[in-house]
C-alpha atoms as a PDB file:
ATOM      1  CA  MET A   1      21.445  78.092 -17.686  1.00  0.00           C
ATOM      2  CA  ALA A   2      23.991  80.658 -18.071  1.00  0.00           C
ATOM      3  CA  ASP A   3      21.516  81.904 -21.388  1.00  0.00           C
ATOM      4  CA  LEU A   4      18.474  82.166 -19.701  1.00  0.00           C
ATOM      5  CA  PRO A   5      18.634  85.689 -18.132  1.00  0.00           C
ATOM      6  CA  HIS A   6      15.209  85.100 -16.121  1.00  0.00           C
ATOM      7  CA  LEU A   7      17.250  82.554 -14.123  1.00  0.00           C
ATOM      8  CA  THR A   8      19.510  83.469 -11.312  1.00  0.00           C
ATOM      9  CA  ALA A   9      22.775  81.252 -10.371  1.00  0.00           C
ATOM     10  CA  ALA A  10      20.708  78.963  -8.430  1.00  0.00           C
ATOM     11  CA  GLY A  11      18.316  78.211 -10.791  1.00  0.00           C
ATOM     12  CA  THR A  12      15.612  80.225  -9.332  1.00  0.00           C
ATOM     13  CA  ALA A  13      13.108  82.862 -11.615  1.00  0.00           C
ATOM     14  CA  HIS A  14      13.579  86.583 -10.979  1.00  0.00           C
ATOM     15  CA  MET A  15      12.839  89.426 -13.307  1.00  0.00           C
ATOM     16  CA  VAL A  16      16.121  90.840 -14.880  1.00  0.00           C
ATOM     17  CA  ASP A  17      17.558  94.335 -14.388  1.00  0.00           C
ATOM     18  CA  VAL A  18      17.489  96.402 -17.073  1.00  0.00           C
ATOM     19  CA  GLY A  19      18.204  99.759 -15.564  1.00  0.00           C
ATOM     20  CA  GLU A  20      22.077 100.031 -16.789  1.00  0.00           C
ATOM     21  CA  LYS A  21      20.872  98.866 -20.983  1.00  0.00           C
ATOM     22  CA  GLU A  22      20.758 101.486 -23.243  1.00  0.00           C
ATOM     23  CA  LYS A  23      17.835 102.996 -24.463  1.00  0.00           C
ATOM     24  CA  THR A  24      17.108 101.957 -27.859  1.00  0.00           C
ATOM     25  CA  HIS A  25      14.237 101.815 -30.225  1.00  0.00           C
ATOM     26  CA  ARG A  26      12.736  98.524 -30.429  1.00  0.00           C
ATOM     27  CA  VAL A  27      10.087  96.867 -32.991  1.00  0.00           C
ATOM     28  CA  ALA A  28       8.409  93.168 -32.581  1.00  0.00           C
ATOM     29  CA  ILE A  29       6.342  92.292 -35.238  1.00  0.00           C
ATOM     30  CA  ALA A  30       4.344  88.774 -34.255  1.00  0.00           C
ATOM     31  CA  GLU A  31       1.149  87.335 -36.639  1.00  0.00           C
ATOM     32  CA  GLY A  32      -0.720  84.161 -36.061  1.00  0.00           C
ATOM     33  CA  TYR A  33      -3.940  82.493 -37.590  1.00  0.00           C
ATOM     34  CA  LEU A  34      -7.328  81.274 -36.205  1.00  0.00           C
ATOM     35  CA  GLU A  35      -8.278  78.783 -38.637  1.00  0.00           C
ATOM     36  CA  MET A  36     -12.682  78.270 -39.278  1.00  0.00           C
ATOM     37  CA  SER A  37     -15.019  76.383 -40.637  1.00  0.00           C
ATOM     38  CA  PRO A  38     -15.703  78.230 -44.265  1.00  0.00           C
ATOM     39  CA  GLU A  39     -19.322  79.481 -42.376  1.00  0.00           C
ATOM     40  CA  ALA A  40     -18.336  80.605 -40.026  1.00  0.00           C
ATOM     41  CA  LEU A  41     -15.465  82.864 -42.225  1.00  0.00           C
ATOM     42  CA  THR A  42     -18.329  83.713 -44.403  1.00  0.00           C
ATOM     43  CA  ALA A  43     -20.484  84.898 -41.758  1.00  0.00           C
ATOM     44  CA  LEU A  44     -17.483  86.858 -40.123  1.00  0.00           C
ATOM     45  CA  VAL A  45     -16.956  88.476 -43.379  1.00  0.00           C
ATOM     46  CA  ALA A  46     -20.508  89.178 -44.480  1.00  0.00           C
ATOM     47  CA  GLY A  47     -21.078  91.130 -41.074  1.00  0.00           C
ATOM     48  CA  ASN A  48     -23.434  88.466 -40.062  1.00  0.00           C
ATOM     49  CA  LEU A  49     -22.210  87.850 -36.575  1.00  0.00           C
ATOM     50  CA  LYS A  50     -24.459  88.354 -33.488  1.00  0.00           C
ATOM     51  CA  LYS A  51     -21.865  89.672 -31.479  1.00  0.00           C
ATOM     52  CA  GLY A  52     -21.168  92.726 -34.059  1.00  0.00           C
ATOM     53  CA  ASP A  53     -17.907  93.451 -35.882  1.00  0.00           C
ATOM     54  CA  ALA A  54     -14.908  90.793 -35.020  1.00  0.00           C
ATOM     55  CA  LEU A  55     -12.552  92.533 -36.904  1.00  0.00           C
ATOM     56  CA  ALA A  56     -12.898  95.847 -35.199  1.00  0.00           C
ATOM     57  CA  ALA A  57     -13.339  94.461 -32.420  1.00  0.00           C
ATOM     58  CA  ALA A  58     -10.320  92.360 -32.201  1.00  0.00           C
ATOM     59  CA  ARG A  59      -8.149  95.482 -33.042  1.00  0.00           C
ATOM     60  CA  ILE A  60      -9.436  97.026 -29.874  1.00  0.00           C
ATOM     61  CA  ALA A  61      -8.764  94.253 -27.870  1.00  0.00           C
ATOM     62  CA  GLY A  62      -5.038  93.009 -29.412  1.00  0.00           C
ATOM     63  CA  ILE A  63      -3.917  96.956 -28.428  1.00  0.00           C
ATOM     64  CA  MET A  64      -5.772  96.923 -25.078  1.00  0.00           C
ATOM     65  CA  ALA A  65      -4.047  93.471 -24.177  1.00  0.00           C
ATOM     66  CA  ALA A  66      -0.380  94.529 -25.365  1.00  0.00           C
ATOM     67  CA  LYS A  67      -0.810  97.836 -23.009  1.00  0.00           C
ATOM     68  CA  ARG A  68      -1.657  95.278 -20.098  1.00  0.00           C
ATOM     69  CA  THR A  69       1.202  92.484 -20.921  1.00  0.00           C
ATOM     70  CA  TRP A  70       3.097  92.870 -17.964  1.00  0.00           C
ATOM     71  CA  GLU A  71       0.540  92.492 -16.090  1.00  0.00           C
ATOM     72  CA  LEU A  72      -0.202  88.960 -17.853  1.00  0.00           C
ATOM     73  CA  VAL A  73       3.447  87.359 -18.250  1.00  0.00           C
ATOM     74  CA  PRO A  74       4.664  87.363 -14.618  1.00  0.00           C
ATOM     75  CA  LEU A  75       8.489  88.600 -15.547  1.00  0.00           C
ATOM     76  CA  CYS A  76       7.958  91.389 -18.207  1.00  0.00           C
ATOM     77  CA  HIS A  77       9.005  94.703 -17.643  1.00  0.00           C
ATOM     78  CA  PRO A  78       5.826  97.251 -17.813  1.00  0.00           C
ATOM     79  CA  VAL A  79       6.877  98.934 -21.510  1.00  0.00           C
ATOM     80  CA  ALA A  80       5.774 102.256 -22.665  1.00  0.00           C
ATOM     81  CA  LEU A  81       4.777 101.526 -26.223  1.00  0.00           C
ATOM     82  CA  THR A  82       5.261 104.533 -28.950  1.00  0.00           C
ATOM     83  CA  HIS A  83       3.062 102.517 -31.390  1.00  0.00           C
ATOM     84  CA  LEU A  84       1.321  99.739 -31.858  1.00  0.00           C
ATOM     85  CA  GLU A  85      -0.758  98.372 -34.679  1.00  0.00           C
ATOM     86  CA  VAL A  86      -3.179  95.325 -34.870  1.00  0.00           C
ATOM     87  CA  GLU A  87      -4.073  94.126 -38.350  1.00  0.00           C
ATOM     88  CA  VAL A  88      -6.761  91.472 -38.447  1.00  0.00           C
ATOM     89  CA  GLU A  89      -8.233  90.331 -41.716  1.00  0.00           C
ATOM     90  CA  PRO A  90      -9.732  87.703 -43.394  1.00  0.00           C
ATOM     91  CA  VAL A  91      -7.850  85.088 -45.209  1.00  0.00           C
ATOM     92  CA  ALA A  92      -9.903  82.941 -47.717  1.00  0.00           C
ATOM     93  CA  GLU A  93      -7.332  80.983 -49.392  1.00  0.00           C
ATOM     94  CA  ARG A  94      -6.712  79.449 -45.811  1.00  0.00           C
ATOM     95  CA  VAL A  95      -9.929  79.864 -44.544  1.00  0.00           C
ATOM     96  CA  ALA A  96      -8.676  81.912 -41.314  1.00  0.00           C
ATOM     97  CA  VAL A  97      -8.144  85.275 -40.260  1.00  0.00           C
ATOM     98  CA  ARG A  98      -4.977  86.269 -40.140  1.00  0.00           C
ATOM     99  CA  CYS A  99      -3.435  88.984 -36.863  1.00  0.00           C
ATOM    100  CA  ARG A 100      -0.387  90.678 -37.486  1.00  0.00           C
ATOM    101  CA  ALA A 101       0.886  92.999 -34.700  1.00  0.00           C
ATOM    102  CA  ARG A 102       3.787  95.910 -34.603  1.00  0.00           C
ATOM    103  CA  ALA A 103       4.793  97.315 -31.485  1.00  0.00           C
ATOM    104  CA  GLU A 104       7.411  99.922 -30.919  1.00  0.00           C
ATOM    105  CA  THR A 105       9.228 101.701 -28.051  1.00  0.00           C
ATOM    106  CA  ARG A 106      11.966 103.703 -27.307  1.00  0.00           C
ATOM    107  CA  GLU A 107      13.188 101.474 -24.238  1.00  0.00           C
ATOM    108  CA  ARG A 108      16.061  99.170 -22.161  1.00  0.00           C
ATOM    109  CA  THR A 109      13.877  96.318 -23.133  1.00  0.00           C
ATOM    110  CA  GLY A 110      12.152  94.770 -26.564  1.00  0.00           C
ATOM    111  CA  VAL A 111       8.498  94.602 -26.973  1.00  0.00           C
ATOM    112  CA  GLU A 112       8.251  90.719 -28.395  1.00  0.00           C
ATOM    113  CA  MET A 113       5.909  89.751 -25.191  1.00  0.00           C
ATOM    114  CA  GLU A 114       3.811  92.686 -26.395  1.00  0.00           C
ATOM    115  CA  ALA A 115       3.293  92.082 -29.724  1.00  0.00           C
ATOM    116  CA  LEU A 116       2.433  87.767 -29.266  1.00  0.00           C
ATOM    117  CA  THR A 117      -0.010  89.019 -26.967  1.00  0.00           C
ATOM    118  CA  ALA A 118      -1.602  91.607 -28.869  1.00  0.00           C
ATOM    119  CA  VAL A 119      -2.101  88.893 -31.440  1.00  0.00           C
ATOM    120  CA  GLN A 120      -3.280  86.266 -29.479  1.00  0.00           C
ATOM    121  CA  VAL A 121      -5.869  88.215 -27.770  1.00  0.00           C
ATOM    122  CA  ALA A 122      -7.056  89.692 -31.175  1.00  0.00           C
ATOM    123  CA  LEU A 123      -7.707  86.077 -32.509  1.00  0.00           C
ATOM    124  CA  LEU A 124      -9.393  85.075 -29.301  1.00  0.00           C
ATOM    125  CA  THR A 125     -11.811  87.884 -29.413  1.00  0.00           C
ATOM    126  CA  VAL A 126     -12.476  86.881 -32.998  1.00  0.00           C
ATOM    127  CA  TYR A 127     -12.846  83.015 -31.620  1.00  0.00           C
ATOM    128  CA  ASP A 128     -15.452  84.560 -28.862  1.00  0.00           C
ATOM    129  CA  MET A 129     -17.689  86.346 -31.450  1.00  0.00           C
ATOM    130  CA  CYS A 130     -17.604  83.587 -33.782  1.00  0.00           C
ATOM    131  CA  LYS A 131     -18.075  80.463 -31.482  1.00  0.00           C
ATOM    132  CA  ALA A 132     -21.909  80.212 -31.861  1.00  0.00           C
ATOM    133  CA  ILE A 133     -21.078  78.787 -35.551  1.00  0.00           C
ATOM    134  CA  ASP A 134     -17.502  76.945 -35.366  1.00  0.00           C
ATOM    135  CA  LYS A 135     -16.644  75.717 -31.488  1.00  0.00           C
ATOM    136  CA  GLY A 136     -13.815  74.005 -33.672  1.00  0.00           C
ATOM    137  CA  MET A 137     -11.575  77.133 -34.604  1.00  0.00           C
ATOM    138  CA  ARG A 138      -8.018  76.651 -34.076  1.00  0.00           C
ATOM    139  CA  ILE A 139      -5.534  79.753 -32.987  1.00  0.00           C
ATOM    140  CA  THR A 140      -2.455  78.438 -34.808  1.00  0.00           C
ATOM    141  CA  ASP A 141       1.142  79.467 -36.556  1.00  0.00           C
ATOM    142  CA  VAL A 142       1.541  82.088 -33.767  1.00  0.00           C
ATOM    143  CA  GLY A 143       5.180  83.525 -33.496  1.00  0.00           C
ATOM    144  CA  LEU A 144       7.296  86.594 -33.814  1.00  0.00           C
ATOM    145  CA  VAL A 145       8.258  87.556 -37.291  1.00  0.00           C
ATOM    146  CA  HIS A 146      10.617  90.286 -36.611  1.00  0.00           C
ATOM    147  CA  LYS A 147      12.660  92.100 -33.705  1.00  0.00           C
ATOM    148  CA  SER A 148      14.944  94.859 -34.028  1.00  0.00           C
ATOM    149  CA  GLY A 149      16.577  97.037 -31.412  1.00  0.00           C
ATOM    150  CA  GLY A 150      19.029  96.356 -28.417  1.00  0.00           C
ATOM    151  CA  ARG A 151      21.933  94.504 -27.973  1.00  0.00           C
ATOM    152  CA  SER A 152      21.021  91.252 -29.723  1.00  0.00           C
ATOM    153  CA  GLY A 153      20.388  93.319 -33.132  1.00  0.00           C
ATOM    154  CA  THR A 154      17.838  92.435 -35.663  1.00  0.00           C
ATOM    155  CA  TRP A 155      16.271  89.123 -35.920  1.00  0.00           C
ATOM    156  CA  GLN A 156      14.054  87.873 -38.480  1.00  0.00           C
ATOM    157  CA  ARG A 157      12.206  84.919 -39.160  1.00  0.00           C
ATOM    158  CA  GLN A 158      12.817  82.783 -42.157  1.00  0.00           C
ATOM    159  CA  GLY A 159      10.253  81.331 -44.416  1.00  0.00           C
END
């Protein structure tokens, strides 16, 4: 359990003390997909959803969610984001919508959770706006693509 910083020696969960860590520029990029029926993707691309522009709503929802990650994930620190970019786009060959979020800060702790939260909530927003057409949509392949900054340095997903 020594490798899990959110656990005490006794095995109980706690919030990690980052007070002595250096502030560094930190970046995290996450992405994921919402797979859907061809009919739902066609309606989304054509702008024929009764609830409006799902891609625009999803971008805003992702940004809002990232800023509140610390309220959603119990052991996360509040992080002052210096930049957040959320891209939401249809991917015809996959019959899906792809979301990619890039979060940045100059802090003592990383922004992986903020990027991942942005992706999940953005995709949930598209789901909500398309569910009248396709209730069988699936959020899939959500994960961290890149992180840099801090003591652990740079990490890049392979493949």
